[in-house]
């Protein structure tokens, strides 16, 4: 069959490779330039590659190639306000940090080596007829182009043009939620000897209640940092007018970072501010002719580092469904949608919860106690007990199943704790009665 994919990001490039391996003809269009030739002008959070993402890459024979580009992170390093440090291990496997540009180039290059797969860059999607189907584009010279494949795939991100056209005048559900926080990127350069200026095998986190910062290590000795602040308020982006304002905020909340970024105030003010958005929509498919994957149908907040990993799972589920229903795209796309939608809904819920934990409750004694209990029970009960983060990061357990299991475990801990407190109170009362 012939597929047109709109969007050559992680989801689109990976899907193109997977479909091409099945023998389909695939053309991928993207408004951006070729990532192998031009570095993206926009900044973006580094990607976190977990077990499920590696499993997907392994199915396509790319895991070894990608592993050469990663920096392993074995846990989370918490930076306290007094510059003290506290380490929390991720468990078996950990998370692999990789720069978006590097992975994008690998995926596009691998897909281009497959007969029948090609990429067309610097070409913008201007509309789609969902019933034919057909897609309209405009090239850099302003020339119009219309293509008529068997199936159109919208892999064009949270603000998908394909999704808008597919849902136009339809009884479709759509919601997008913006956090009142945004983020800006900072860059900590390598030391003079080319090494890292902080621990290079951990995810660094500075939780400060209403604000936070985190950093991923890069292979060149640098760190990519993301500063998450509210848009408005005393610590908000709107209050940071001068370099002195920025440096004062860092001196108060992130003192150990101040000396690591040259001209921090000016550098911070030069950077753009990005929104944090989650997208939920239904349906993802139209009559076996149009289908959405990745952020186009389930963009989530990035605080579980699962956006790319879940997009890879989307692509494999879609190609598996096409294999199970050859010649019947309606059945194939329906299977893909019904199997993936509950899992991505669960991921959106967990990503939202994790944002609150990362920026604030990670400092809570109650949360630290629950995590300690999780760790002990995981060691004692082995695979019968597993913390939620471990299920998401270190396994390929479907997101919805992981959330249900974690909810049961939390309920057990909650009631067990209440029982211990009640038993202690009863014992104290008995002692008083004896006296």
Protein backbone atom coordinates (compact mmCIF):
# COMPACT_ATOMS: atom_id res chain seq x y z
CA UNK A 1 0.00 0.00 0.00
CA UNK A 2 0.99 3.63 -0.35
CA UNK A 3 1.28 5.78 2.78
CA UNK A 4 1.77 9.51 3.13
CA UNK A 5 3.13 10.53 6.53
CA UNK A 6 2.90 14.18 7.55
CA UNK A 7 5.70 14.90 10.02
CA UNK A 8 9.24 13.52 10.08
CA UNK A 9 9.81 13.70 13.81
CA UNK A 10 10.36 10.72 16.08
CA UNK A 11 6.93 9.18 15.40
CA UNK A 12 6.88 9.79 11.64
CA UNK A 13 10.44 8.67 10.90
CA UNK A 14 10.14 5.54 13.05
CA UNK A 15 6.82 4.62 11.43
CA UNK A 16 8.24 5.20 7.95
CA UNK A 17 11.03 2.74 8.70
CA UNK A 18 8.61 0.16 10.13
CA UNK A 19 6.16 0.44 7.21
CA UNK A 20 9.00 0.33 4.70
CA UNK A 21 10.28 -2.88 6.24
CA UNK A 22 6.80 -4.36 5.62
CA UNK A 23 7.11 -3.56 1.92
CA UNK A 24 4.83 -0.51 1.76
CA UNK A 25 5.58 2.62 -0.25
CA UNK A 26 6.04 5.55 2.12
CA UNK A 27 6.59 9.26 1.54
CA UNK A 28 7.19 11.51 4.53
CA UNK A 29 6.66 15.28 4.29
CA UNK A 30 7.91 17.80 6.83
CA UNK A 31 7.94 21.59 6.92
CA UNK A 32 11.35 21.56 8.63
CA UNK A 33 14.74 20.96 6.97
CA UNK A 34 16.51 17.60 6.90
CA UNK A 35 17.82 16.92 10.44
CA UNK A 36 20.90 15.23 8.97
CA UNK A 37 21.97 18.48 7.32
CA UNK A 38 20.72 21.33 9.47
CA UNK A 39 20.57 21.59 13.24
CA UNK A 40 17.15 22.66 14.49
CA UNK A 41 16.97 26.32 15.46
CA UNK A 42 14.44 25.53 18.16
CA UNK A 43 15.55 24.20 21.50
CA UNK A 44 13.95 21.14 23.00
CA UNK A 45 14.23 19.01 26.07
CA UNK A 46 16.62 16.12 25.70
CA UNK A 47 14.93 12.78 25.20
CA UNK A 48 14.84 9.98 27.76
CA UNK A 49 15.06 6.55 26.20
CA UNK A 50 13.61 3.85 28.45
CA UNK A 51 13.20 0.08 28.18
CA UNK A 52 10.09 0.26 25.99
CA UNK A 53 11.76 2.66 23.55
CA UNK A 54 14.85 0.45 23.36
CA UNK A 55 12.67 -2.61 22.76
CA UNK A 56 11.00 -0.81 19.85
CA UNK A 57 14.35 0.21 18.35
CA UNK A 58 15.63 -3.33 18.80
CA UNK A 59 12.75 -4.68 16.71
CA UNK A 60 13.98 -2.53 13.85
CA UNK A 61 17.63 -3.39 14.44
CA UNK A 62 18.65 0.10 15.59
CA UNK A 63 19.28 -0.31 19.31
CA UNK A 64 23.04 -0.89 18.99
CA UNK A 65 23.48 2.13 16.73
CA UNK A 66 21.45 4.36 19.05
CA UNK A 67 23.25 3.15 22.19
CA UNK A 68 26.44 4.72 20.84
CA UNK A 69 24.76 8.13 21.08
CA UNK A 70 23.35 7.96 24.61
CA UNK A 71 24.47 8.88 28.11
CA UNK A 72 23.15 6.40 30.72
CA UNK A 73 21.40 7.88 33.76
CA UNK A 74 21.29 5.41 36.66
CA UNK A 75 19.12 7.56 38.92
CA UNK A 76 17.96 10.99 40.03
CA UNK A 77 20.20 13.44 41.88
CA UNK A 78 18.22 15.88 44.01
CA UNK A 79 19.87 19.25 44.60
CA UNK A 80 18.67 20.72 47.89
CA UNK A 81 18.42 24.50 48.47
CA UNK A 82 21.51 24.34 50.71
CA UNK A 83 23.40 22.72 47.78
CA UNK A 84 23.29 19.32 49.49
CA UNK A 85 22.73 16.26 47.29
CA UNK A 86 20.48 13.20 47.63
CA UNK A 87 20.57 10.30 45.19
CA UNK A 88 17.61 8.09 44.23
CA UNK A 89 18.30 5.07 41.98
CA UNK A 90 16.09 4.31 38.98
CA UNK A 91 16.62 0.58 39.25
CA UNK A 92 17.58 -1.93 36.59
CA UNK A 93 18.25 -0.34 33.22
CA UNK A 94 17.82 3.30 34.19
CA UNK A 95 17.12 5.92 31.53
CA UNK A 96 19.32 6.82 28.56
CA UNK A 97 19.66 10.51 27.71
CA UNK A 98 19.93 11.31 24.01
CA UNK A 99 19.81 14.55 22.09
CA UNK A 100 16.81 14.87 19.81
CA UNK A 101 18.87 15.91 16.80
CA UNK A 102 21.07 12.80 17.04
CA UNK A 103 18.20 10.33 17.23
CA UNK A 104 16.21 12.09 14.53
CA UNK A 105 19.14 11.87 12.12
CA UNK A 106 19.58 8.13 12.83
CA UNK A 107 15.90 7.36 12.21
CA UNK A 108 15.68 9.35 8.98
CA UNK A 109 18.91 7.88 7.65
CA UNK A 110 17.81 4.31 8.46
CA UNK A 111 14.40 4.84 6.81
CA UNK A 112 15.98 6.30 3.68
CA UNK A 113 18.00 3.11 3.22
CA UNK A 114 14.78 1.10 2.82
CA UNK A 115 13.51 0.77 -0.77
CA UNK A 116 10.22 2.59 -1.26
CA UNK A 117 10.74 5.13 1.54
CA UNK A 118 11.56 8.76 0.84
CA UNK A 119 11.47 12.08 2.69
CA UNK A 120 10.46 15.49 1.36
CA UNK A 121 11.60 18.33 3.63
CA UNK A 122 10.84 22.07 3.69
CA UNK A 123 7.32 21.27 2.50
CA UNK A 124 4.31 22.42 4.50
CA UNK A 125 0.94 20.65 4.78
CA UNK A 126 -1.91 23.03 3.91
CA UNK A 127 -4.91 20.70 4.10
CA UNK A 128 -6.37 17.26 3.63
CA UNK A 129 -9.44 15.64 2.11
CA UNK A 130 -10.15 12.80 4.54
CA UNK A 131 -12.55 10.96 2.23
CA UNK A 132 -10.38 10.54 -0.87
CA UNK A 133 -7.89 10.69 0.92
CA UNK A 134 -5.57 13.39 -0.40
CA UNK A 135 -3.13 15.84 1.16
CA UNK A 136 -2.11 19.29 -0.07
CA UNK A 137 1.36 20.76 0.40
CA UNK A 138 3.34 23.86 -0.51
CA UNK A 139 7.05 23.68 -1.29
CA UNK A 140 9.64 26.39 -0.45
CA UNK A 141 9.03 28.09 -3.82
CA UNK A 142 5.30 28.36 -3.19
CA UNK A 143 4.33 25.60 -5.60
CA UNK A 144 1.26 23.54 -4.64
CA UNK A 145 1.39 19.76 -4.49
CA UNK A 146 -1.46 17.28 -4.00
CA UNK A 147 -0.86 13.59 -3.26
CA UNK A 148 -3.42 10.76 -3.11
CA UNK A 149 -2.15 7.78 -1.11
CA UNK A 150 -4.08 4.83 0.27
CA UNK A 151 -3.60 6.02 3.88
CA UNK A 152 -2.63 9.37 5.38
CA UNK A 153 -0.79 9.36 8.71
CA UNK A 154 -0.78 12.46 10.90
CA UNK A 155 2.51 12.47 12.80
CA UNK A 156 2.72 16.26 12.86
CA UNK A 157 2.72 16.94 16.59
CA UNK A 158 0.44 18.46 19.19
CA UNK A 159 -0.90 21.14 16.82
CA UNK A 160 -1.50 18.68 13.99
CA UNK A 161 -2.85 20.00 10.70
CA UNK A 162 -3.95 16.48 9.75
CA UNK A 163 -5.99 16.18 12.94
CA UNK A 164 -7.73 19.50 12.30
CA UNK A 165 -8.69 18.47 8.77
CA UNK A 166 -9.78 14.99 9.85
CA UNK A 167 -12.06 16.36 12.57
CA UNK A 168 -13.44 19.31 10.59
CA UNK A 169 -17.24 19.37 10.95
CA UNK A 170 -17.17 15.96 12.63
CA UNK A 171 -18.46 15.02 16.08
CA UNK A 172 -14.94 14.61 17.34
CA UNK A 173 -13.69 15.09 20.87
CA UNK A 174 -10.71 17.32 21.47
CA UNK A 175 -9.16 18.96 24.50
CA UNK A 176 -5.83 20.56 25.24
CA UNK A 177 -4.66 21.64 28.65
CA UNK A 178 -1.88 24.11 29.24
CA UNK A 179 0.00 24.26 32.50
CA UNK A 180 0.42 27.65 34.10
CA UNK A 181 4.12 26.89 33.91
CA UNK A 182 6.42 27.11 30.90
CA UNK A 183 10.06 26.25 30.37
CA UNK A 184 13.27 27.69 28.99
CA UNK A 185 16.40 25.83 28.12
CA UNK A 186 19.88 26.56 29.42
CA UNK A 187 23.20 25.03 28.47
CA UNK A 188 25.93 24.14 30.97
CA UNK A 189 29.15 23.88 28.94
CA UNK A 190 31.80 21.24 29.46
CA UNK A 191 34.74 21.86 31.77
CA UNK A 192 38.06 23.04 30.37
CA UNK A 193 39.26 19.43 30.07
CA UNK A 194 36.11 18.42 28.17
CA UNK A 195 34.56 16.59 31.13
CA UNK A 196 31.24 17.12 32.90
CA UNK A 197 31.05 19.70 35.66
CA UNK A 198 28.53 17.64 37.64
CA UNK A 199 27.88 13.90 37.99
CA UNK A 200 27.48 12.62 34.44
CA UNK A 201 25.45 9.45 35.05
CA UNK A 202 22.34 10.89 36.70
CA UNK A 203 19.30 13.04 36.00
CA UNK A 204 19.78 16.26 37.99
CA UNK A 205 16.71 17.80 39.63
CA UNK A 206 16.27 21.03 41.61
CA UNK A 207 12.71 20.91 43.08
CA UNK A 208 11.64 24.21 44.61
CA UNK A 209 7.87 24.09 45.02
CA UNK A 210 6.48 26.58 42.51
CA UNK A 211 9.56 26.34 40.32
CA UNK A 212 12.08 23.67 39.39
CA UNK A 213 14.97 22.88 37.10
CA UNK A 214 16.39 19.67 35.70
CA UNK A 215 19.41 18.73 33.60
CA UNK A 216 20.42 15.86 31.29
CA UNK A 217 24.07 15.01 30.60
CA UNK A 218 25.35 15.11 27.02
CA UNK A 219 28.20 13.14 25.45
CA UNK A 220 30.31 16.25 24.84
CA UNK A 221 30.60 17.04 28.57
CA UNK A 222 27.79 19.59 28.59
CA UNK A 223 24.33 19.50 30.20
CA UNK A 224 20.99 20.51 28.72
CA UNK A 225 18.93 22.21 31.44
CA UNK A 226 15.22 23.00 31.49
CA UNK A 227 13.99 25.74 33.82
CA UNK A 228 10.29 25.33 34.66
CA UNK A 229 8.66 28.50 36.02
CA UNK A 230 5.12 29.88 36.20
CA UNK A 231 4.31 32.43 33.53
CA UNK A 232 3.20 34.99 36.12
CA UNK A 233 4.01 35.73 39.73
CA UNK A 234 6.99 36.64 41.90
CA UNK A 235 9.00 33.73 40.45
CA UNK A 236 7.39 33.87 37.01
CA UNK A 237 8.81 34.63 33.60
CA UNK A 238 6.98 37.97 33.61
CA UNK A 239 9.00 39.11 36.64
CA UNK A 240 12.39 38.42 35.04
CA UNK A 241 13.06 41.61 33.11
CA UNK A 242 16.81 42.00 33.51
CA UNK A 243 19.88 39.82 33.84
CA UNK A 244 20.07 40.90 37.50
CA UNK A 245 16.53 39.59 38.07
CA UNK A 246 17.49 36.20 36.64
CA UNK A 247 20.72 35.95 38.62
CA UNK A 248 18.92 36.96 41.82
CA UNK A 249 16.38 34.13 41.30
CA UNK A 250 19.14 31.61 40.67
CA UNK A 251 21.16 32.85 43.64
CA UNK A 252 18.14 32.29 45.85
CA UNK A 253 16.89 28.95 44.45
CA UNK A 254 19.65 27.36 42.33
CA UNK A 255 22.90 28.71 43.80
CA UNK A 256 25.04 25.80 42.62
CA UNK A 257 24.07 26.48 38.98
CA UNK A 258 24.97 30.17 38.96
CA UNK A 259 28.68 29.57 38.44
CA UNK A 260 28.15 26.84 35.81
CA UNK A 261 26.51 28.97 33.08
CA UNK A 262 28.56 31.86 31.68
CA UNK A 263 26.56 35.12 31.52
CA UNK A 264 23.58 33.25 32.92
CA UNK A 265 21.25 36.24 33.11
CA UNK A 266 21.76 37.36 29.52
CA UNK A 267 21.70 33.78 28.23
CA UNK A 268 18.41 33.07 30.03
CA UNK A 269 16.74 36.19 28.62
CA UNK A 270 17.82 35.32 25.06
CA UNK A 271 16.08 31.96 25.17
CA UNK A 272 12.45 31.47 24.04
CA UNK A 273 9.75 30.31 26.44
CA UNK A 274 7.85 27.12 25.58
CA UNK A 275 4.40 25.98 26.66
CA UNK A 276 3.64 22.70 28.40
CA UNK A 277 0.54 21.16 26.84
CA UNK A 278 -1.30 17.86 26.90
CA UNK A 279 -3.68 16.84 24.11
CA UNK A 280 -6.54 14.35 24.20
CA UNK A 281 -8.68 13.58 21.20
CA UNK A 282 -11.02 10.97 19.72
CA UNK A 283 -11.25 9.35 17.29
CA UNK A 284 -7.73 8.90 15.95
CA UNK A 285 -8.90 7.28 12.71
CA UNK A 286 -11.22 7.91 9.79
CA UNK A 287 -12.68 5.06 7.68
CA UNK A 288 -9.40 3.22 7.24
CA UNK A 289 -8.01 6.20 5.32
CA UNK A 290 -6.52 8.52 7.96
CA UNK A 291 -4.78 7.74 11.25
CA UNK A 292 -2.97 9.78 13.91
CA UNK A 293 0.06 8.75 15.96
CA UNK A 294 2.28 10.28 18.63
CA UNK A 295 1.70 13.82 19.84
CA UNK A 296 -0.90 14.40 17.13
CA UNK A 297 -3.36 12.35 19.18
CA UNK A 298 -1.90 12.16 22.71
CA UNK A 299 0.70 14.82 23.51
CA UNK A 300 1.59 14.63 27.21
CA UNK A 301 3.58 16.70 29.68
CA UNK A 302 7.23 15.62 29.44
CA UNK A 303 7.80 14.83 33.11
CA UNK A 304 7.85 11.04 32.72
CA UNK A 305 10.06 11.19 29.62
CA UNK A 306 7.67 8.91 27.74
CA UNK A 307 6.50 10.94 24.74
CA UNK A 308 8.99 9.41 22.32
CA UNK A 309 8.77 5.94 23.87
CA UNK A 310 4.98 5.91 23.57
CA UNK A 311 5.18 7.16 19.97
CA UNK A 312 7.42 4.23 19.08
CA UNK A 313 4.86 1.88 20.66
CA UNK A 314 2.13 3.56 18.57
CA UNK A 315 4.09 2.87 15.39
CA UNK A 316 4.67 -0.79 16.20
CA UNK A 317 1.03 -1.31 17.20
CA UNK A 318 -0.06 0.24 13.91
CA UNK A 319 2.25 -1.87 11.75
CA UNK A 320 1.34 -5.02 13.71
CA UNK A 321 -2.35 -4.27 13.13
CA UNK A 322 -1.75 -3.84 9.40
CA UNK A 323 0.01 -7.22 9.35
CA UNK A 324 -2.91 -8.89 11.13
CA UNK A 325 -5.47 -7.36 8.74
CA UNK A 326 -3.82 -7.29 5.31
CA UNK A 327 -5.99 -5.49 2.78
CA UNK A 328 -8.49 -4.32 5.42
CA UNK A 329 -7.25 -0.95 6.63
CA UNK A 330 -10.49 -0.19 8.45
CA UNK A 331 -10.07 -3.23 10.69
CA UNK A 332 -6.35 -2.56 11.09
CA UNK A 333 -6.73 1.08 12.12
CA UNK A 334 -9.64 0.25 14.43
CA UNK A 335 -7.54 -2.40 16.21
CA UNK A 336 -4.66 0.05 16.59
CA UNK A 337 -6.90 2.79 18.01
CA UNK A 338 -8.81 0.62 20.48
CA UNK A 339 -5.61 -0.95 21.82
CA UNK A 340 -3.58 2.26 22.19
CA UNK A 341 -6.14 4.82 23.41
CA UNK A 342 -6.56 3.46 26.99
CA UNK A 343 -2.79 3.29 27.43
CA UNK A 344 -2.08 6.81 26.26
CA UNK A 345 -4.93 8.15 28.42
CA UNK A 346 -3.25 6.48 31.40
CA UNK A 347 0.11 7.97 30.41
CA UNK A 348 -1.40 11.47 30.29
CA UNK A 349 -2.79 11.00 33.80
CA UNK A 350 0.51 9.72 35.18
CA UNK A 351 2.53 12.50 33.49
CA UNK A 352 0.34 15.15 35.08
CA UNK A 353 0.71 13.58 38.52
CA UNK A 354 4.46 13.28 38.14
CA UNK A 355 4.79 16.98 37.45
CA UNK A 356 3.40 17.78 40.89
CA UNK A 357 5.70 15.22 42.46
CA UNK A 358 8.82 16.46 40.71
CA UNK A 359 8.36 20.14 41.51
CA UNK A 360 7.06 19.82 45.04
CA UNK A 361 6.07 16.61 46.77
CA UNK A 362 9.38 14.92 45.99
CA UNK A 363 10.54 16.90 49.04
CA UNK A 364 7.70 15.57 51.20
CA UNK A 365 8.66 13.14 54.01
CA UNK A 366 5.47 11.16 53.36
CA UNK A 367 6.35 10.67 49.70
CA UNK A 368 9.93 9.73 50.57
CA UNK A 369 8.59 7.18 53.07
CA UNK A 370 6.28 5.67 50.45
CA UNK A 371 9.17 5.44 47.99
CA UNK A 372 11.34 3.77 50.62
CA UNK A 373 8.57 1.23 51.28
CA UNK A 374 8.26 0.64 47.53
CA UNK A 375 11.99 -0.05 47.30
CA UNK A 376 11.99 -2.47 50.25
CA UNK A 377 8.90 -4.32 49.05
CA UNK A 378 10.31 -4.58 45.52
CA UNK A 379 13.43 -6.27 46.91
CA UNK A 380 11.50 -8.58 49.24
CA UNK A 381 8.62 -9.50 46.92
CA UNK A 382 10.61 -9.20 43.68
CA UNK A 383 8.32 -9.11 40.64
CA UNK A 384 5.16 -9.23 42.73
CA UNK A 385 5.73 -5.61 43.76
CA UNK A 386 7.12 -2.90 41.48
CA UNK A 387 7.06 0.90 41.88
CA UNK A 388 5.19 2.80 39.18
CA UNK A 389 8.26 4.57 37.83
CA UNK A 390 10.05 1.23 37.49
CA UNK A 391 7.11 -0.26 35.58
CA UNK A 392 7.08 2.69 33.19
CA UNK A 393 10.84 2.94 32.74
CA UNK A 394 12.22 -0.58 33.09
CA UNK A 395 9.45 -2.71 31.55
CA UNK A 396 7.14 -2.82 28.57
CA UNK A 397 4.03 -3.32 30.74
CA UNK A 398 1.18 -1.37 29.06
CA UNK A 399 0.66 2.02 30.67
CA UNK A 400 -2.94 1.33 31.71
CA UNK A 401 -1.96 -1.95 33.38
CA UNK A 402 0.95 -0.26 35.15
CA UNK A 403 -1.34 2.47 36.49
CA UNK A 404 -3.91 -0.06 37.78
CA UNK A 405 -1.21 -2.10 39.50
CA UNK A 406 0.39 0.98 41.07
CA UNK A 407 -3.01 2.16 42.30
CA UNK A 408 -3.58 -1.19 44.04
CA UNK A 409 -0.13 -1.06 45.61
CA UNK A 410 -0.69 2.48 46.86
CA UNK A 411 -3.98 1.40 48.40
CA UNK A 412 -2.24 -1.48 50.17
CA UNK A 413 0.44 0.86 51.56
CA UNK A 414 -2.17 3.38 52.63
CA UNK A 415 -4.32 0.87 54.49
CA UNK A 416 -1.28 -0.91 55.94
CA UNK A 417 -0.02 2.42 57.28
CA UNK A 418 -3.42 3.19 58.75
CA UNK A 419 -3.49 -0.26 60.37
CA UNK A 420 -0.03 0.29 61.90
CA UNK A 421 -1.10 3.67 63.29
CA UNK A 422 -4.33 2.20 64.66
CA UNK A 423 -2.45 -0.68 66.26
CA UNK A 424 -0.02 1.74 67.86
CA UNK A 425 -2.86 3.86 69.21
CA UNK A 426 -4.63 0.78 70.60
CA UNK A 427 -1.43 -0.38 72.30
CA UNK A 428 -0.91 3.05 73.85
CA UNK A 429 -4.51 3.08 75.10
CA UNK A 430 -4.08 -0.40 76.59
CA UNK A 431 -0.95 0.73 78.45
CA UNK A 432 -2.81 3.71 79.87
CA UNK A 433 -5.66 1.49 81.03
CA UNK A 434 -3.24 -0.90 82.73
CA UNK A 435 -1.63 2.01 84.53
